[in-house]
Amino acid sequence: MSELIAKMKSQKILETAKISPSFISPLFLVPKSDGTMRPIFNLKALNEFVLVDQFHLINMYRIPTFLQGKDWLCKIDLSQAYFHLAISQGHRRFLRLIYEHELLEMTCLPFGLSTAPKTFSILTNWIAQILREKNVRIVAYLDDYLIAHQSARVLQEHVTLTISTLQYLGWQINFEKSVLTPQKSVTYLGIVWDPWDNRKVLPENKCVTIVKKVSEVLEQKSVTIKDLQRVAGLLSFASFAVPRGRLNHRRLVMFLNSLPQNLTNDLYVMPQPVREELSWWVLNCHLPTPLHYPPPTHFLTTDASDLAWGAQLNNHALSGVWSKAEQTLHCNQKEMLAILHALQSHAHLMRHSCILMQCDNKTAVSYLRKEGGTRSVPLLEITYQILHLLDRYRIDFSIHHIPGKFNNHADHLSRHRRPPEWHLLPPCTEIVFKKFGLPMIDLFASEAAHVVYNYVLAHLNQSLGTFLIVVPRWHRVFWRADLKARSLAAPFTLRNLQSYLIDTSTGLPPPNVAEMTLEVWKCGGGLNK
């Protein structure tokens, strides 16, 4: 600690303070992944007086939507991230500590302050937005930037631009932890992302840690709550990248929730189902999961009543009555069983496919989307049955909640049609075509929504030619930088959408159309080099 305090004083992170009314907090050290120590202020007492507005950091669940197949990747890590932000002189008295009888105060943003993550992320995201305006496809998580592009050469140029921008603004870059040469895979937010093999997986060192920690717990006949919490924290993070990882740590979490909340050194014997889950992790933590799933080839909508269950699988109507044992079950269980029964009769016909499910019960949707839950053992058991059935036939799936007023939407999907689409009326398209010329074919369109005679579905990276793309005017989105890089002309704004835009399922303008702005971009297709 003395060595670190001296270093922080030499870097002007800590300064000697004059005796005055102060808020004193303890300082402690936590190990970083690279083996060095990070100073953390225990500002728990101060944080009780600090108002924190709600905000959301980007997390690993959003990275797949940022990445494209066969992206080249780089990452940039900032050194001493929070310490780049100075604290005003008038507020430093709230960030004081005493070390060896000396009163010291922080001169910059400390780890441990409840407002620090939001304050820092506002600045890093502001920088990311500046770079997006220069066609850099980038996301930021606090002090870590991830940059992607379909061309390795262009990505290298964007990395150079990003570094020069950060250094111009006074940020220090951790070159040892950064990956500045385009790679086909990179570790970001603790996950290995590989767009070339379409997979995400835990790094080898994390797998080794999981196997070691879990094995240590399994070797013991009884364990403390703290030991279980450490393992549960490891598995909770890892479950994102491991196939069925979320499903296979529910028993552990439920067991932890059943124990006393106060931390003691009391020993507890783990139930056999918990031991089986932990053993599963030793064998499976190294397995990858897909980065992107294929588009759905089957559509399933389900419903359940007190008398029976019904389902629509593609164009086939399915139904059945409840058994005596099922008749008295809770409605949430019946909704889950409706999905299970529909799959049990037809899953063998959908091997190696992808199914999109729709259900009007939010609990059923949540349990399947999150691979179970910890509040209901019966629902968890049905979740096990459904997911094991899907895995047996290697069926990928997604599930969505369909409110009652959108039943027509679910009906379209269940009949293997595309969902209701938006359509620009001829008076609007005539204005666009007069400016840009008449297209020969309508991409991303259907029979109901196309605006020229020929229409197909295609991915822009796989298509050569010049395209007119109609998109909402959203500035803080990942794809806008890619769109600007492809653009051959400035975007054209579409106005008076109340008169020009309709929903093909209703023939009426979409909800809140007055709040929308659409743009037409003239872009080049193919890989963006």
Protein backbone atom coordinates (compact mmCIF):
# COMPACT_ATOMS: atom_id res chain seq x y z
CA MET A 1 0.00 0.00 0.00
CA SER A 2 2.82 2.44 0.84
CA GLU A 3 4.37 1.93 -2.58
CA LEU A 4 1.06 2.55 -4.33
CA ILE A 5 0.30 5.65 -2.24
CA ALA A 6 3.71 7.07 -3.14
CA LYS A 7 3.12 6.34 -6.82
CA MET A 8 -0.30 8.00 -6.76
CA LYS A 9 1.19 11.06 -5.08
CA SER A 10 3.93 11.29 -7.70
CA GLN A 11 1.27 11.10 -10.44
CA LYS A 12 -0.75 13.85 -8.70
CA ILE A 13 -3.66 11.44 -8.24
CA LEU A 14 -3.36 11.97 -4.49
CA GLU A 15 -2.36 15.25 -2.88
CA THR A 16 -1.82 16.37 0.68
CA ALA A 17 -4.89 18.23 1.94
CA LYS A 18 -5.16 21.05 4.42
CA ILE A 19 -6.99 20.31 7.65
CA SER A 20 -10.65 21.21 7.07
CA PRO A 21 -14.09 19.57 7.29
CA SER A 22 -13.69 16.32 5.34
CA PHE A 23 -15.46 13.10 4.39
CA ILE A 24 -12.99 10.33 5.22
CA SER A 25 -13.19 6.95 3.48
CA PRO A 26 -10.90 3.90 3.55
CA LEU A 27 -8.79 2.87 0.56
CA PHE A 28 -8.08 -0.76 -0.31
CA LEU A 29 -6.52 -2.74 -3.16
CA VAL A 30 -8.03 -5.36 -5.47
CA PRO A 31 -6.06 -7.47 -7.95
CA LYS A 32 -6.48 -6.80 -11.67
CA SER A 33 -6.47 -9.47 -14.37
CA ASP A 34 -2.88 -8.55 -15.32
CA GLY A 35 -1.62 -9.16 -11.77
CA THR A 36 -1.28 -5.50 -10.76
CA MET A 37 -3.36 -3.89 -8.03
CA ARG A 38 -6.18 -1.40 -8.47
CA PRO A 39 -6.90 1.12 -5.69
CA ILE A 40 -10.57 1.20 -4.68
CA PHE A 41 -12.12 3.78 -2.41
CA ASN A 42 -14.68 2.27 -0.06
CA LEU A 43 -17.15 5.08 -0.65
CA LYS A 44 -20.20 3.16 0.55
CA ALA A 45 -20.98 5.78 3.20
CA LEU A 46 -20.53 8.69 0.77
CA ASN A 47 -22.62 7.01 -1.93
CA GLU A 48 -25.64 7.11 0.36
CA PHE A 49 -25.68 10.88 -0.19
CA VAL A 50 -25.00 10.74 -3.96
CA LEU A 51 -27.91 10.81 -6.41
CA VAL A 52 -27.35 8.48 -9.36
CA ASP A 53 -29.52 8.73 -12.46
CA GLN A 54 -30.43 5.44 -14.07
CA PHE A 55 -28.26 4.54 -17.04
CA HIS A 56 -27.25 1.47 -19.00
CA LEU A 57 -23.79 0.42 -20.10
CA ILE A 58 -23.38 -1.66 -23.22
CA ASN A 59 -22.91 -5.29 -22.23
CA MET A 60 -21.84 -8.53 -23.85
CA TYR A 61 -25.44 -9.34 -24.80
CA ARG A 62 -25.40 -6.48 -27.32
CA ILE A 63 -22.09 -7.28 -28.98
CA PRO A 64 -23.57 -9.89 -31.39
CA THR A 65 -25.83 -7.20 -32.87
CA PHE A 66 -22.75 -5.02 -33.44
CA LEU A 67 -20.68 -7.67 -35.18
CA GLN A 68 -21.11 -8.92 -38.74
CA GLY A 69 -19.97 -12.20 -40.25
CA LYS A 70 -16.29 -12.17 -41.28
CA ASP A 71 -15.55 -8.90 -39.46
CA TRP A 72 -11.93 -8.02 -38.71
CA LEU A 73 -11.52 -6.87 -35.11
CA CYS A 74 -9.28 -4.65 -32.98
CA LYS A 75 -9.59 -3.31 -29.46
CA ILE A 76 -8.10 -0.36 -27.60
CA ASP A 77 -7.70 -0.29 -23.83
CA LEU A 78 -7.21 2.93 -21.89
CA SER A 79 -4.68 3.09 -19.08
CA GLN A 80 -5.75 4.42 -15.65
CA ALA A 81 -9.15 5.11 -17.11
CA TYR A 82 -11.02 7.01 -14.39
CA PHE A 83 -7.93 8.98 -13.42
CA HIS A 84 -8.21 10.98 -16.66
CA LEU A 85 -11.10 12.95 -15.14
CA ALA A 86 -10.21 15.69 -12.66
CA ILE A 87 -12.38 16.45 -9.62
CA SER A 88 -13.19 20.10 -8.98
CA GLN A 89 -11.33 21.70 -6.08
CA GLY A 90 -14.54 22.30 -4.15
CA HIS A 91 -15.52 18.61 -4.14
CA ARG A 92 -12.17 17.02 -3.30
CA ARG A 93 -12.86 17.31 0.44
CA PHE A 94 -15.45 14.54 0.00
CA LEU A 95 -12.78 12.20 -1.39
CA ARG A 96 -10.25 12.16 1.42
CA LEU A 97 -8.39 9.45 3.31
CA ILE A 98 -5.85 9.26 6.08
CA TYR A 99 -2.71 7.20 5.58
CA GLU A 100 0.06 7.10 8.17
CA HIS A 101 -1.37 10.19 9.91
CA GLU A 102 -1.41 12.21 6.66
CA LEU A 103 -4.63 13.70 5.25
CA LEU A 104 -4.81 13.03 1.51
CA GLU A 105 -7.42 13.79 -1.13
CA MET A 106 -8.18 12.43 -4.59
CA THR A 107 -7.68 14.87 -7.44
CA CYS A 108 -9.44 12.71 -10.03
CA LEU A 109 -12.38 10.35 -10.40
CA PRO A 110 -11.99 7.34 -8.07
CA PHE A 111 -13.14 3.76 -8.52
CA GLY A 112 -15.92 3.18 -6.02
CA LEU A 113 -17.89 6.40 -6.48
CA SER A 114 -21.43 5.48 -7.54
CA THR A 115 -21.55 8.15 -10.26
CA ALA A 116 -18.14 7.25 -11.72
CA PRO A 117 -19.27 4.67 -14.32
CA LYS A 118 -21.92 6.95 -15.79
CA THR A 119 -19.65 10.00 -15.76
CA PHE A 120 -16.83 8.14 -17.47
CA SER A 121 -19.03 6.34 -20.00
CA ILE A 122 -20.57 9.65 -21.10
CA LEU A 123 -17.12 10.82 -22.18
CA THR A 124 -16.00 7.57 -23.82
CA ASN A 125 -19.29 7.26 -25.70
CA TRP A 126 -18.97 10.88 -26.82
CA ILE A 127 -15.60 10.00 -28.32
CA ALA A 128 -17.10 6.90 -29.94
CA GLN A 129 -19.84 9.02 -31.48
CA ILE A 130 -17.26 11.42 -32.94
CA LEU A 131 -15.49 8.45 -34.52
CA ARG A 132 -18.76 7.02 -35.86
CA GLU A 133 -19.30 10.30 -37.68
CA LYS A 134 -16.00 9.48 -39.41
CA ASN A 135 -17.35 6.06 -40.47
CA VAL A 136 -15.60 4.10 -37.70
CA ARG A 137 -17.70 1.15 -36.49
CA ILE A 138 -16.96 1.20 -32.77
CA VAL A 139 -18.49 0.41 -29.38
CA ALA A 140 -17.23 1.47 -25.96
CA TYR A 141 -17.51 -0.17 -22.56
CA LEU A 142 -15.95 2.23 -20.05
CA ASP A 143 -12.23 2.13 -20.92
CA ASP A 144 -12.42 -0.59 -23.61
CA TYR A 145 -13.11 0.14 -27.28
CA LEU A 146 -13.98 -2.54 -29.84
CA ILE A 147 -13.56 -1.62 -33.51
CA ALA A 148 -14.76 -3.74 -36.45
CA HIS A 149 -14.75 -3.63 -40.23
CA GLN A 150 -15.16 -6.02 -43.13
CA SER A 151 -11.80 -4.90 -44.55
CA ALA A 152 -8.56 -5.40 -42.60
CA ARG A 153 -6.94 -2.50 -44.44
CA VAL A 154 -9.73 -0.05 -43.61
CA LEU A 155 -9.85 -1.30 -40.02
CA GLN A 156 -6.13 -0.54 -39.62
CA GLU A 157 -6.79 3.01 -40.84
CA HIS A 158 -9.65 3.35 -38.35
CA VAL A 159 -7.45 2.11 -35.50
CA THR A 160 -4.82 4.71 -36.38
CA LEU A 161 -7.51 7.41 -36.47
CA THR A 162 -8.92 6.28 -33.11
CA ILE A 163 -5.50 6.27 -31.43
CA SER A 164 -4.64 9.73 -32.73
CA THR A 165 -8.04 11.06 -31.59
CA LEU A 166 -7.66 9.59 -28.10
CA GLN A 167 -4.10 10.86 -27.70
CA TYR A 168 -5.07 14.31 -28.98
CA LEU A 169 -7.72 14.44 -26.25
CA GLY A 170 -5.14 13.48 -23.61
CA TRP A 171 -6.09 9.85 -23.01
CA GLN A 172 -3.37 7.33 -22.19
CA ILE A 173 -3.53 4.06 -24.13
CA ASN A 174 -2.52 0.73 -22.63
CA PHE A 175 -0.66 -0.63 -25.65
CA GLU A 176 0.13 -3.93 -23.90
CA LYS A 177 -3.54 -4.83 -23.43
CA SER A 178 -4.72 -3.34 -26.74
CA VAL A 179 -4.96 -5.34 -29.97
CA LEU A 180 -4.00 -2.91 -32.73
CA THR A 181 -3.47 -5.32 -35.64
CA PRO A 182 -6.69 -6.63 -37.28
CA GLN A 183 -7.59 -10.10 -36.02
CA LYS A 184 -10.25 -12.63 -36.92
CA SER A 185 -11.05 -13.07 -33.22
CA VAL A 186 -10.44 -10.96 -30.14
CA THR A 187 -11.16 -11.13 -26.41
CA TYR A 188 -13.47 -8.31 -25.33
CA LEU A 189 -15.46 -8.01 -22.08
CA GLY A 190 -14.01 -11.36 -21.04
CA ILE A 191 -15.39 -13.26 -24.06
CA VAL A 192 -13.60 -14.44 -27.22
CA TRP A 193 -15.54 -13.15 -30.25
CA ASP A 194 -14.94 -14.90 -33.58
CA PRO A 195 -17.10 -13.59 -36.46
CA TRP A 196 -15.23 -15.79 -38.95
CA ASP A 197 -16.25 -19.05 -37.28
CA ASN A 198 -19.52 -17.51 -36.01
CA ARG A 199 -18.85 -18.30 -32.38
CA LYS A 200 -18.25 -16.87 -28.95
CA VAL A 201 -16.40 -18.78 -26.26
CA LEU A 202 -14.72 -18.34 -22.89
CA PRO A 203 -10.97 -17.64 -22.97
CA GLU A 204 -8.80 -20.58 -21.98
CA ASN A 205 -7.67 -18.93 -18.74
CA LYS A 206 -11.28 -18.47 -17.62
CA CYS A 207 -12.05 -22.12 -18.37
CA VAL A 208 -9.05 -23.15 -16.27
CA THR A 209 -10.27 -20.94 -13.41
CA ILE A 210 -13.80 -22.37 -13.56
CA VAL A 211 -12.58 -25.97 -13.59
CA LYS A 212 -10.22 -25.26 -10.66
CA LYS A 213 -12.76 -23.41 -8.49
CA VAL A 214 -15.64 -25.79 -9.22
CA SER A 215 -13.47 -28.85 -8.63
CA GLU A 216 -12.34 -27.45 -5.27
CA VAL A 217 -15.97 -27.09 -4.19
CA LEU A 218 -16.90 -30.56 -5.44
CA GLU A 219 -14.06 -32.12 -3.46
CA GLN A 220 -15.56 -30.82 -0.22
CA LYS A 221 -18.40 -32.59 1.56
CA SER A 222 -19.69 -29.27 2.87
CA VAL A 223 -19.03 -25.66 1.90
CA THR A 224 -19.55 -22.12 3.18
CA ILE A 225 -21.97 -19.63 1.65
CA LYS A 226 -19.04 -17.47 0.57
CA ASP A 227 -17.48 -20.36 -1.37
CA LEU A 228 -20.76 -20.98 -3.18
CA GLN A 229 -21.21 -17.28 -3.95
CA ARG A 230 -17.77 -17.11 -5.57
CA VAL A 231 -18.56 -20.07 -7.80
CA ALA A 232 -22.05 -18.75 -8.60
CA GLY A 233 -20.55 -15.43 -9.68
CA LEU A 234 -18.10 -17.18 -12.00
CA LEU A 235 -20.81 -19.32 -13.58
CA SER A 236 -23.28 -16.45 -13.92
CA PHE A 237 -20.81 -14.56 -16.10
CA ALA A 238 -19.68 -17.63 -18.02
CA SER A 239 -23.23 -18.78 -18.75
CA PHE A 240 -23.52 -16.23 -21.56
CA ALA A 241 -20.86 -17.97 -23.66
CA VAL A 242 -21.45 -21.62 -22.73
CA PRO A 243 -24.28 -23.56 -24.42
CA ARG A 244 -27.08 -24.03 -21.88
CA GLY A 245 -24.89 -22.39 -19.27
CA ARG A 246 -27.77 -20.36 -17.87
CA LEU A 247 -29.93 -23.46 -17.56
CA ASN A 248 -27.22 -25.38 -15.74
CA HIS A 249 -26.60 -23.06 -12.84
CA ARG A 250 -30.22 -22.50 -11.74
CA ARG A 251 -30.10 -25.21 -9.07
CA LEU A 252 -27.01 -23.64 -7.52
CA VAL A 253 -28.65 -20.21 -7.38
CA MET A 254 -31.86 -21.63 -5.91
CA PHE A 255 -29.85 -23.46 -3.25
CA LEU A 256 -27.98 -20.26 -2.40
CA ASN A 257 -31.26 -18.35 -2.13
CA SER A 258 -32.53 -20.90 0.37
CA LEU A 259 -29.59 -20.34 2.73
CA PRO A 260 -29.37 -17.61 5.42
CA GLN A 261 -28.56 -14.22 3.95
CA ASN A 262 -26.01 -13.28 6.62
CA LEU A 263 -22.48 -14.42 5.76
CA THR A 264 -21.15 -16.91 8.28
CA ASN A 265 -18.56 -19.66 8.31
CA ASP A 266 -21.26 -22.30 8.77
CA LEU A 267 -20.89 -25.32 6.51
CA TYR A 268 -23.68 -26.64 4.29
CA VAL A 269 -24.04 -29.89 2.36
CA MET A 270 -24.86 -29.36 -1.31
CA PRO A 271 -27.86 -31.30 -2.67
CA GLN A 272 -27.13 -33.87 -5.37
CA PRO A 273 -28.76 -31.78 -8.19
CA VAL A 274 -26.38 -28.91 -7.36
CA ARG A 275 -23.40 -31.25 -7.49
CA GLU A 276 -24.57 -32.56 -10.85
CA GLU A 277 -24.77 -29.01 -12.20
CA LEU A 278 -21.26 -28.20 -11.01
CA SER A 279 -19.93 -31.42 -12.54
CA TRP A 280 -21.58 -30.40 -15.82
CA TRP A 281 -19.57 -27.17 -15.83
CA VAL A 282 -16.26 -29.00 -15.45
CA LEU A 283 -17.05 -30.93 -18.65
CA ASN A 284 -18.70 -28.19 -20.73
CA CYS A 285 -17.31 -24.75 -19.84
CA HIS A 286 -14.96 -24.80 -22.86
CA LEU A 287 -17.74 -25.25 -25.44
CA PRO A 288 -18.64 -22.33 -27.79
CA THR A 289 -22.02 -20.87 -28.68
CA PRO A 290 -23.07 -19.34 -32.02
CA LEU A 291 -22.51 -15.63 -32.44
CA HIS A 292 -25.45 -15.34 -34.83
CA TYR A 293 -28.29 -17.79 -35.28
CA PRO A 294 -29.78 -18.62 -38.69
CA PRO A 295 -33.11 -17.06 -39.73
CA PRO A 296 -36.20 -19.02 -38.65
CA THR A 297 -37.47 -21.77 -40.92
CA HIS A 298 -40.49 -22.69 -38.76
CA PHE A 299 -43.02 -20.58 -36.85
CA LEU A 300 -44.91 -21.75 -33.77
CA THR A 301 -47.65 -19.89 -31.90
CA THR A 302 -49.24 -21.40 -28.81
CA ASP A 303 -52.07 -20.74 -26.40
CA ALA A 304 -53.53 -22.48 -23.37
CA SER A 305 -56.91 -22.36 -21.64
CA ASP A 306 -58.42 -24.24 -18.71
CA LEU A 307 -59.89 -26.82 -21.09
CA ALA A 308 -57.17 -27.49 -23.66
CA TRP A 309 -54.04 -26.29 -25.44
CA GLY A 310 -53.70 -25.14 -29.02
CA ALA A 311 -50.85 -24.33 -31.36
CA GLN A 312 -50.20 -23.31 -34.94
CA LEU A 313 -46.98 -24.76 -36.39
CA ASN A 314 -46.39 -23.22 -39.81
CA ASN A 315 -49.68 -24.07 -41.57
CA HIS A 316 -50.66 -26.92 -39.26
CA ALA A 317 -53.20 -26.57 -36.44
CA LEU A 318 -52.41 -28.60 -33.33
CA SER A 319 -54.48 -29.08 -30.17
CA GLY A 320 -54.98 -31.39 -27.23
CA VAL A 321 -56.82 -31.69 -23.93
CA TRP A 322 -55.21 -31.66 -20.52
CA SER A 323 -54.63 -34.84 -18.58
CA LYS A 324 -56.15 -35.12 -15.12
CA ALA A 325 -52.81 -34.21 -13.57
CA GLU A 326 -52.44 -31.16 -15.84
CA GLN A 327 -55.98 -29.79 -15.36
CA THR A 328 -55.22 -28.33 -11.93
CA LEU A 329 -51.87 -26.76 -12.82
CA HIS A 330 -51.21 -23.01 -12.73
CA CYS A 331 -51.88 -21.12 -15.97
CA ASN A 332 -48.16 -20.39 -16.42
CA GLN A 333 -47.39 -24.11 -16.34
CA LYS A 334 -50.14 -24.78 -18.89
CA GLU A 335 -48.69 -22.16 -21.24
CA MET A 336 -45.30 -23.86 -20.99
CA LEU A 337 -46.85 -27.29 -21.49
CA ALA A 338 -48.61 -26.07 -24.64
CA ILE A 339 -45.18 -25.35 -26.13
CA LEU A 340 -43.81 -28.67 -24.91
CA HIS A 341 -46.72 -30.72 -26.33
CA ALA A 342 -46.51 -28.99 -29.71
CA LEU A 343 -42.78 -29.70 -29.93
CA GLN A 344 -43.07 -33.28 -28.70
CA SER A 345 -45.30 -34.18 -31.64
CA HIS A 346 -43.29 -32.44 -34.37
CA ALA A 347 -39.70 -31.77 -33.22
CA HIS A 348 -38.41 -34.86 -35.02
CA LEU A 349 -39.61 -33.30 -38.30
CA MET A 350 -37.62 -30.10 -37.70
CA ARG A 351 -34.10 -31.45 -37.16
CA HIS A 352 -31.24 -28.99 -37.70
CA SER A 353 -33.61 -26.04 -38.20
CA CYS A 354 -34.49 -22.78 -36.46
CA ILE A 355 -37.91 -22.12 -34.98
CA LEU A 356 -39.48 -18.82 -33.97
CA MET A 357 -41.96 -19.24 -31.11
CA GLN A 358 -44.67 -16.80 -30.07
CA CYS A 359 -46.63 -16.87 -26.85
CA ASP A 360 -48.93 -14.40 -25.09
CA ASN A 361 -47.69 -15.42 -21.62
CA LYS A 362 -44.77 -13.27 -20.45
CA THR A 363 -43.64 -15.75 -17.80
CA ALA A 364 -43.36 -18.58 -20.31
CA VAL A 365 -41.44 -16.34 -22.70
CA SER A 366 -39.06 -15.24 -19.94
CA TYR A 367 -38.34 -18.78 -18.72
CA LEU A 368 -37.45 -20.01 -22.20
CA ARG A 369 -35.53 -16.91 -23.26
CA LYS A 370 -33.48 -16.89 -20.05
CA GLU A 371 -33.17 -20.69 -19.90
CA GLY A 372 -35.16 -21.01 -16.70
CA GLY A 373 -35.55 -19.04 -13.50
CA THR A 374 -35.28 -19.44 -9.74
CA ARG A 375 -38.80 -18.61 -8.55
CA SER A 376 -40.70 -21.68 -9.72
CA VAL A 377 -39.38 -25.25 -9.62
CA PRO A 378 -42.28 -26.62 -11.75
CA LEU A 379 -41.62 -24.04 -14.49
CA LEU A 380 -37.91 -24.82 -14.35
CA GLU A 381 -38.65 -28.53 -14.81
CA ILE A 382 -40.75 -27.85 -17.92
CA THR A 383 -38.01 -25.55 -19.22
CA TYR A 384 -35.53 -28.42 -18.86
CA GLN A 385 -37.82 -30.68 -20.89
CA ILE A 386 -38.34 -28.15 -23.69
CA LEU A 387 -34.68 -27.21 -24.05
CA HIS A 388 -33.47 -30.81 -23.87
CA LEU A 389 -35.96 -31.71 -26.60
CA LEU A 390 -34.71 -28.87 -28.81
CA ASP A 391 -31.09 -29.84 -28.17
CA ARG A 392 -31.80 -33.48 -28.97
CA TYR A 393 -32.90 -32.53 -32.48
CA ARG A 394 -30.43 -29.64 -32.76
CA ILE A 395 -33.12 -27.02 -33.19
CA ASP A 396 -32.20 -23.37 -32.61
CA PHE A 397 -34.99 -21.12 -31.40
CA SER A 398 -36.04 -17.63 -30.46
CA ILE A 399 -39.19 -16.73 -28.56
CA HIS A 400 -41.21 -13.52 -28.41
CA HIS A 401 -44.17 -12.27 -26.43
CA ILE A 402 -47.20 -11.42 -28.55
CA PRO A 403 -49.78 -9.13 -26.89
CA GLY A 404 -53.41 -9.88 -27.64
CA LYS A 405 -53.81 -6.85 -29.90
CA PHE A 406 -51.06 -8.21 -32.15
CA ASN A 407 -52.70 -11.57 -32.73
CA ASN A 408 -52.83 -10.87 -36.46
CA HIS A 409 -49.04 -10.51 -36.41
CA ALA A 410 -48.63 -13.92 -34.79
CA ASP A 411 -51.10 -15.39 -37.27
CA HIS A 412 -49.01 -14.17 -40.20
CA LEU A 413 -45.89 -15.74 -38.75
CA SER A 414 -47.57 -19.01 -37.85
CA ARG A 415 -48.70 -19.38 -41.48
CA HIS A 416 -45.09 -19.07 -42.64
CA ARG A 417 -45.62 -15.57 -43.99
CA ARG A 418 -43.41 -12.66 -43.15
CA PRO A 419 -44.58 -10.26 -40.42
CA PRO A 420 -46.58 -7.17 -41.35
CA GLU A 421 -44.35 -4.65 -43.12
CA TRP A 422 -44.20 -0.92 -43.71
CA HIS A 423 -44.77 0.33 -47.21
CA LEU A 424 -44.04 3.69 -48.86
CA LEU A 425 -46.88 4.79 -51.12
CA PRO A 426 -46.28 5.74 -54.79
CA PRO A 427 -46.51 9.55 -54.27
CA CYS A 428 -43.46 9.24 -51.98
CA THR A 429 -41.45 6.73 -54.03
CA GLU A 430 -41.97 8.85 -57.15
CA ILE A 431 -40.16 11.72 -55.39
CA VAL A 432 -37.29 9.40 -54.41
CA PHE A 433 -36.99 7.87 -57.89
CA LYS A 434 -37.06 11.28 -59.50
CA LYS A 435 -34.03 12.24 -57.39
CA PHE A 436 -32.02 8.99 -57.53
CA GLY A 437 -33.41 7.11 -60.53
CA LEU A 438 -35.75 4.11 -60.87
CA PRO A 439 -34.34 0.91 -59.27
CA MET A 440 -34.41 -2.36 -61.19
CA ILE A 441 -35.21 -4.55 -58.17
CA ASP A 442 -36.62 -4.17 -54.63
CA LEU A 443 -34.47 -5.82 -51.94
CA PHE A 444 -35.68 -6.75 -48.43
CA ALA A 445 -39.25 -6.70 -49.79
CA SER A 446 -42.25 -8.99 -50.09
CA GLU A 447 -45.28 -9.23 -52.34
CA ALA A 448 -47.17 -6.86 -50.06
CA ALA A 449 -44.48 -4.23 -49.53
CA HIS A 450 -42.45 -4.03 -52.76
CA VAL A 451 -42.40 -0.75 -54.68
CA VAL A 452 -40.93 -1.90 -58.03
CA TYR A 453 -41.84 -4.92 -60.17
CA ASN A 454 -38.91 -7.16 -59.17
CA TYR A 455 -38.32 -7.85 -55.48
CA VAL A 456 -36.13 -10.24 -53.41
CA LEU A 457 -34.50 -10.57 -50.00
CA ALA A 458 -30.72 -10.25 -49.78
CA HIS A 459 -27.87 -9.20 -47.49
CA LEU A 460 -26.05 -6.04 -48.49
CA ASN A 461 -22.60 -7.59 -47.94
CA GLN A 462 -23.45 -10.30 -50.47
CA SER A 463 -24.83 -7.99 -53.17
CA LEU A 464 -23.00 -5.98 -55.81
CA GLY A 465 -24.42 -2.80 -57.29
CA THR A 466 -25.92 0.49 -56.18
CA PHE A 467 -28.78 0.55 -53.71
CA LEU A 468 -31.34 2.93 -52.22
CA ILE A 469 -31.75 2.14 -48.52
CA VAL A 470 -34.61 3.60 -46.46
CA VAL A 471 -33.82 3.76 -42.74
CA PRO A 472 -34.97 5.68 -39.64
CA ARG A 473 -32.86 8.69 -38.77
CA TRP A 474 -31.18 7.27 -35.68
CA HIS A 475 -27.76 8.70 -34.90
CA ARG A 476 -26.59 6.52 -32.01
CA VAL A 477 -26.72 3.15 -33.74
CA PHE A 478 -23.88 0.81 -34.70
CA TRP A 479 -24.82 0.45 -38.36
CA ARG A 480 -24.87 4.16 -39.18
CA ALA A 481 -21.07 4.31 -39.57
CA ASP A 482 -21.19 1.39 -42.03
CA LEU A 483 -24.01 3.09 -43.93
CA LYS A 484 -22.11 6.37 -44.18
CA ALA A 485 -19.01 4.56 -45.41
CA ARG A 486 -21.04 3.00 -48.24
CA SER A 487 -22.93 6.17 -49.16
CA LEU A 488 -22.55 7.63 -52.63
CA ALA A 489 -24.56 10.77 -51.86
CA ALA A 490 -25.95 12.71 -48.92
CA PRO A 491 -29.11 11.15 -47.43
CA PHE A 492 -32.49 12.38 -48.62
CA THR A 493 -35.06 13.07 -45.87
CA LEU A 494 -38.64 11.84 -46.31
CA ARG A 495 -41.25 14.15 -44.84
CA ASN A 496 -45.03 14.02 -44.29
CA LEU A 497 -44.90 10.32 -43.39
CA GLN A 498 -48.51 10.43 -42.16
CA SER A 499 -49.51 10.55 -45.83
CA TYR A 500 -46.83 8.33 -47.33
CA LEU A 501 -46.13 5.44 -44.91
CA ILE A 502 -48.54 2.57 -44.13
CA ASP A 503 -48.48 -0.76 -42.31
CA THR A 504 -49.39 -3.43 -44.87
CA SER A 505 -51.26 -5.46 -42.24
CA THR A 506 -53.70 -2.62 -41.46
CA GLY A 507 -53.48 -0.23 -44.39
CA LEU A 508 -52.99 2.58 -41.86
CA PRO A 509 -49.95 4.66 -40.85
CA PRO A 510 -47.81 3.01 -38.13
CA PRO A 511 -48.25 4.17 -34.52
CA ASN A 512 -46.39 7.39 -33.63
CA VAL A 513 -45.62 8.03 -37.29
CA ALA A 514 -45.56 11.78 -36.61
CA GLU A 515 -42.46 11.25 -34.44
CA MET A 516 -40.56 9.38 -37.17
CA THR A 517 -38.03 10.61 -39.68
CA LEU A 518 -36.89 8.40 -42.55
CA GLU A 519 -33.86 8.85 -44.77
CA VAL A 520 -32.98 7.45 -48.18
CA TRP A 521 -29.30 6.57 -48.64
CA LYS A 522 -27.71 5.82 -52.00
CA CYS A 523 -25.07 3.18 -51.21
CA GLY A 524 -22.71 0.72 -52.83
CA GLY A 525 -23.10 -2.99 -52.06
CA GLY A 526 -20.59 -5.79 -51.57
CA LEU A 527 -17.89 -6.05 -48.92
CA ASN A 528 -17.03 -2.55 -47.74
CA LYS A 529 -13.34 -2.23 -48.54
